[in-house]
Protein backbone atom coordinates (compact mmCIF):
# COMPACT_ATOMS: atom_id res chain seq x y z
CA UNK A 1 47.31 56.35 114.92
CA UNK A 2 45.28 58.12 111.50
CA UNK A 3 44.08 61.56 113.42
CA UNK A 4 47.54 61.53 114.22
CA UNK A 5 48.67 61.79 110.67
CA UNK A 6 45.67 63.81 109.73
CA UNK A 7 47.21 66.39 112.40
CA UNK A 8 50.54 66.39 110.94
CA UNK A 9 49.67 67.05 107.30
CA UNK A 10 46.95 69.98 108.83
CA UNK A 11 50.34 71.47 111.02
CA UNK A 12 52.37 71.46 107.88
CA UNK A 13 50.06 72.51 105.72
CA UNK A 14 49.87 75.76 108.44
CA UNK A 15 53.23 75.46 107.91
CA UNK A 16 54.06 76.31 104.64
CA UNK A 17 50.90 78.69 103.82
CA UNK A 18 51.20 81.02 106.87
CA UNK A 19 54.95 81.29 107.91
CA UNK A 20 58.01 82.99 105.63
CA UNK A 21 59.71 81.29 103.06
CA UNK A 22 62.87 80.99 103.44
CA UNK A 23 65.27 81.87 101.14
CA UNK A 24 66.94 79.63 98.34
CA UNK A 25 70.91 80.12 98.75
CA UNK A 26 73.70 78.12 96.96
CA UNK A 27 77.67 78.93 97.15
CA UNK A 28 79.20 78.65 94.20
CA UNK A 29 82.83 78.94 93.26
CA UNK A 30 85.09 79.47 89.75
CA UNK A 31 87.65 77.16 89.87
CA UNK A 32 91.08 78.14 87.84
CA UNK A 33 89.41 81.26 86.60
CA UNK A 34 87.04 79.10 84.36
CA UNK A 35 82.59 79.48 84.21
CA UNK A 36 80.93 77.48 86.67
CA UNK A 37 77.38 77.38 86.85
CA UNK A 38 75.19 76.82 89.74
CA UNK A 39 72.03 75.93 90.32
CA UNK A 40 69.32 77.86 92.45
CA UNK A 41 65.41 77.25 93.03
CA UNK A 42 63.42 80.07 94.18
CA UNK A 43 62.44 83.36 92.32
CA UNK A 44 63.31 86.34 92.23
CA UNK A 45 66.54 88.29 92.04
CA UNK A 46 70.00 86.53 92.25
CA UNK A 47 72.03 88.82 94.94
CA UNK A 48 75.05 87.98 96.54
CA UNK A 49 75.36 87.73 100.18
CA UNK A 50 78.97 86.95 101.22
CA UNK A 51 81.98 86.02 99.33
CA UNK A 52 84.41 83.29 99.53
CA UNK A 53 87.21 84.35 97.23
CA UNK A 54 89.65 86.70 97.22
CA UNK A 55 88.54 88.31 93.66
CA UNK A 56 85.76 90.69 93.90
CA UNK A 57 82.70 89.73 92.58
CA UNK A 58 80.80 92.26 90.98
CA UNK A 59 77.37 91.06 89.81
CA UNK A 60 77.42 91.99 85.30
CA UNK A 61 81.30 91.21 85.56
CA UNK A 62 82.35 87.80 86.58
CA UNK A 63 78.67 86.92 87.74
CA UNK A 64 75.55 87.06 86.38
CA UNK A 65 71.74 84.95 86.59
CA UNK A 66 71.03 81.96 84.27
CA UNK A 67 67.65 80.31 83.15
CA UNK A 68 68.45 78.04 85.77
CA UNK A 69 70.70 79.98 88.18
CA UNK A 70 73.90 81.74 87.90
CA UNK A 71 77.09 80.90 86.68
CA UNK A 72 79.88 82.91 88.11
CA UNK A 73 84.08 82.75 86.36
CA UNK A 74 87.60 84.46 86.70
CA UNK A 75 87.71 83.41 90.30
CA UNK A 76 84.80 84.91 91.31
CA UNK A 77 83.82 83.00 94.54
CA UNK A 78 80.06 83.36 96.99
CA UNK A 79 76.61 82.19 98.89
CA UNK A 80 73.79 83.45 96.62
CA UNK A 81 70.68 83.71 97.08
CA UNK A 82 67.58 84.35 95.81
CA UNK A 83 65.07 87.62 96.98
CA UNK A 84 62.43 85.39 97.58
CA UNK A 85 60.08 85.62 100.61
CA UNK A 86 61.22 87.41 103.63
CA UNK A 87 63.64 88.92 101.58
CA UNK A 88 61.07 90.08 98.39
CA UNK A 89 57.74 90.36 101.28
CA UNK A 90 56.72 94.17 101.26
CA UNK A 91 57.99 95.90 104.65
CA UNK A 92 60.21 92.70 105.56
CA UNK A 93 63.64 93.27 103.74
CA UNK A 94 66.39 91.81 105.80
CA UNK A 95 70.14 92.20 106.81
CA UNK A 96 72.57 89.83 107.56
CA UNK A 97 73.97 90.08 110.81
CA UNK A 98 74.02 87.07 113.95
CA UNK A 99 76.18 84.78 112.04
CA UNK A 100 75.17 84.77 109.13
CA UNK A 101 70.92 84.70 110.08
CA UNK A 102 68.57 87.67 108.42
CA UNK A 103 67.29 90.85 110.72
CA UNK A 104 64.10 92.37 110.59
CA UNK A 105 64.23 95.51 108.15
CA UNK A 106 63.36 96.86 104.17
CA UNK A 107 60.66 100.12 104.10
CA UNK A 108 59.38 99.68 107.21
CA UNK A 109 62.21 99.28 109.35
CA UNK A 110 65.94 99.55 109.69
CA UNK A 111 66.86 96.75 108.13
CA UNK A 112 69.41 96.80 104.75
CA UNK A 113 69.81 93.04 103.06
CA UNK A 114 67.04 94.71 101.00
CA UNK A 115 68.98 97.20 99.05
CA UNK A 116 72.10 94.40 98.15
CA UNK A 117 72.49 95.25 93.70
CA UNK A 118 70.53 98.65 93.82
CA UNK A 119 72.28 101.63 92.73
CA UNK A 120 74.87 103.37 94.60
CA UNK A 121 73.39 106.59 94.82
CA UNK A 122 69.58 105.35 95.76
CA UNK A 123 70.81 103.03 98.90
CA UNK A 124 72.97 106.12 99.90
CA UNK A 125 69.53 108.34 100.55
CA UNK A 126 66.97 105.19 101.64
CA UNK A 127 70.05 104.57 104.31
CA UNK A 128 70.27 107.55 105.07
CA UNK A 129 66.20 107.52 105.05
CA UNK A 130 66.22 104.75 107.25
CA UNK A 131 68.52 106.87 110.32
CA UNK A 132 71.73 105.11 108.86
CA UNK A 133 74.86 107.80 108.93
CA UNK A 134 77.41 107.46 106.32
CA UNK A 135 80.53 107.75 108.56
CA UNK A 136 83.96 106.80 106.19
CA UNK A 137 84.47 105.34 102.74
CA UNK A 138 88.21 103.47 101.95
CA UNK A 139 89.06 101.80 98.51
CA UNK A 140 89.09 98.78 97.20
CA UNK A 141 89.87 96.23 94.38
CA UNK A 142 87.31 97.22 91.61
CA UNK A 143 85.65 99.82 93.67
CA UNK A 144 85.23 101.28 97.10
CA UNK A 145 84.24 99.96 100.98
CA UNK A 146 81.43 102.67 102.92
CA UNK A 147 81.42 102.45 106.47
CA UNK A 148 77.50 103.34 107.74
CA UNK A 149 76.42 103.90 111.23
CA UNK A 150 73.21 102.19 112.13
CA UNK A 151 70.46 103.07 114.14
CA UNK A 152 71.17 101.64 117.00
CA UNK A 153 75.27 102.77 117.40
CA UNK A 154 76.45 99.52 115.51
CA UNK A 155 78.65 99.74 111.85
CA UNK A 156 77.75 98.43 108.71
CA UNK A 157 80.04 97.67 105.66
CA UNK A 158 78.67 98.24 102.26
CA UNK A 159 80.48 96.99 98.91
CA UNK A 160 80.14 99.15 95.71
CA UNK A 161 81.23 98.07 92.54
CA UNK A 162 79.84 99.69 88.99
CA UNK A 163 77.95 101.78 90.46
CA UNK A 164 75.58 99.32 92.69
CA UNK A 165 75.32 98.18 96.28
CA UNK A 166 77.63 94.61 96.00
CA UNK A 167 76.97 93.09 99.49
CA UNK A 168 76.60 94.74 102.88
CA UNK A 169 77.24 93.18 106.28
CA UNK A 170 78.02 94.21 109.81
CA UNK A 171 81.34 94.80 111.56
CA UNK A 172 82.71 95.78 114.55
CA UNK A 173 82.02 99.19 115.37
CA UNK A 174 85.78 100.54 115.12
CA UNK A 175 85.64 100.01 111.52
CA UNK A 176 83.22 103.07 111.85
CA UNK A 177 85.90 104.79 113.56
CA UNK A 178 88.20 105.80 111.61
CA UNK A 179 88.87 102.10 110.86
CA UNK A 180 89.84 101.14 114.30
CA UNK A 181 92.76 103.33 114.07
CA UNK A 182 93.37 106.39 115.95
CA UNK A 183 92.94 109.53 115.54
CA UNK A 184 95.20 112.05 112.81
CA UNK A 185 97.18 113.94 115.03
CA UNK A 186 96.68 117.56 115.98
CA UNK A 187 99.25 118.65 113.10
CA UNK A 188 97.81 116.53 110.08
CA UNK A 189 94.21 118.24 110.42
CA UNK A 190 92.09 115.86 107.65
CA UNK A 191 89.34 119.26 107.37
CA UNK A 192 89.32 122.53 108.48
CA UNK A 193 92.38 123.59 109.89
CA UNK A 194 94.73 122.77 106.94
CA UNK A 195 94.82 121.14 103.64
CA UNK A 196 91.92 119.81 102.71
CA UNK A 197 92.12 115.48 102.61
CA UNK A 198 91.64 114.65 98.89
CA UNK A 199 87.83 112.32 98.72
CA UNK A 200 88.59 108.37 98.42
CA UNK A 201 89.69 107.86 94.06
CA UNK A 202 88.32 104.05 93.80
CA UNK A 203 85.32 105.25 91.60
CA UNK A 204 88.19 107.04 89.20
CA UNK A 205 90.05 103.71 89.22
CA UNK A 206 86.93 101.95 88.79
CA UNK A 207 86.54 104.69 84.97
CA UNK A 208 89.67 103.12 84.17
CA UNK A 209 88.09 100.02 84.50
CA UNK A 210 85.99 101.33 82.28
CA UNK A 211 89.28 101.84 79.59
CA UNK A 212 90.00 98.78 79.97
CA UNK A 213 93.18 99.15 81.82
CA UNK A 214 93.09 96.77 84.90
CA UNK A 215 95.83 99.62 86.98
CA UNK A 216 96.70 102.91 87.23
CA UNK A 217 98.17 105.89 89.23
CA UNK A 218 97.33 109.01 90.95
CA UNK A 219 100.08 111.08 90.00
CA UNK A 220 97.78 114.27 91.05
CA UNK A 221 94.76 115.20 93.61
CA UNK A 222 93.71 119.29 93.60
CA UNK A 223 90.96 120.80 95.26
CA UNK A 224 90.12 123.13 92.45
CA UNK A 225 87.48 124.74 93.76
CA UNK A 226 85.05 124.06 96.80
CA UNK A 227 83.58 120.47 97.02
CA UNK A 228 84.88 119.68 93.54
CA UNK A 229 88.54 117.50 93.42
CA UNK A 230 90.23 117.20 89.97
CA UNK A 231 92.18 113.72 90.04
CA UNK A 232 95.20 113.02 86.92
CA UNK A 233 95.61 109.63 86.15
CA UNK A 234 98.17 107.84 84.09
CA UNK A 235 96.99 104.42 82.79
CA UNK A 236 99.01 102.59 80.39
CA UNK A 237 100.46 105.12 78.75
CA UNK A 238 97.69 107.69 78.80
CA UNK A 239 96.29 110.67 80.98
CA UNK A 240 93.20 111.02 81.75
CA UNK A 241 91.65 113.97 84.16
CA UNK A 242 89.23 112.64 86.48
CA UNK A 243 86.41 115.52 88.82
CA UNK A 244 84.37 113.86 91.36
CA UNK A 245 82.65 115.66 94.73
CA UNK A 246 83.89 115.58 98.17
CA UNK A 247 82.09 112.42 98.82
CA UNK A 248 84.39 110.49 95.52
CA UNK A 249 81.42 110.40 92.92
CA UNK A 250 82.33 110.62 89.53
CA UNK A 251 81.15 114.36 88.17
CA UNK A 252 83.80 113.54 84.98
CA UNK A 253 85.94 111.81 83.07
CA UNK A 254 87.89 113.01 80.22
CA UNK A 255 91.55 111.98 78.71
CA UNK A 256 94.50 114.38 79.72
């Protein structure tokens, strides 16, 4: 019997030392828009892996890290984890698929979970380097959704807010094919055969919120020259002019 316990202890030690550590996670929800503090074990950066609230969770705005873990406020709720274990090991980042289980990835693979929290421009470049292809984007409260075709012909949705990748999750393949909607008819071309289609103004609307306004109205969109679009936005009685490139990235934002 004593020999059995010695073997059991040795096996447990091997598992602790040799196997990859699991990411620590916690579900944290702001109720009645009040602040809620949640403890989270582990070391490393805290990231949002799944939003459960209708309110869009944006790091630095309605949730952030604390010494004991994190806090949420203003209706934000989600599942958070520390970037410890598999998600922090060099070359072993991960994505979330298969019902929430981590997929292999990282700098030496085709994963994407290690990109949550990075700047959007850096994340887009890295996804392209790993063989992902952007198919479309659409506006969302406080940001935008960008859909990418994976190297394995799957589809992922990236939520961008405050200039960073906030969440990344696998979605139905149809989301990368015009969002599951039928193609536009021939007499309404989006590129080439007629009036060019304006890019998504979501990043301009995010500039709105930084000016202290909660909403705004697009009065006019104009392609001022190939690859450059101008949006005239009215909010709180004031007018602003936002210029973007073809992908909706803000080039300038000034009072109009």
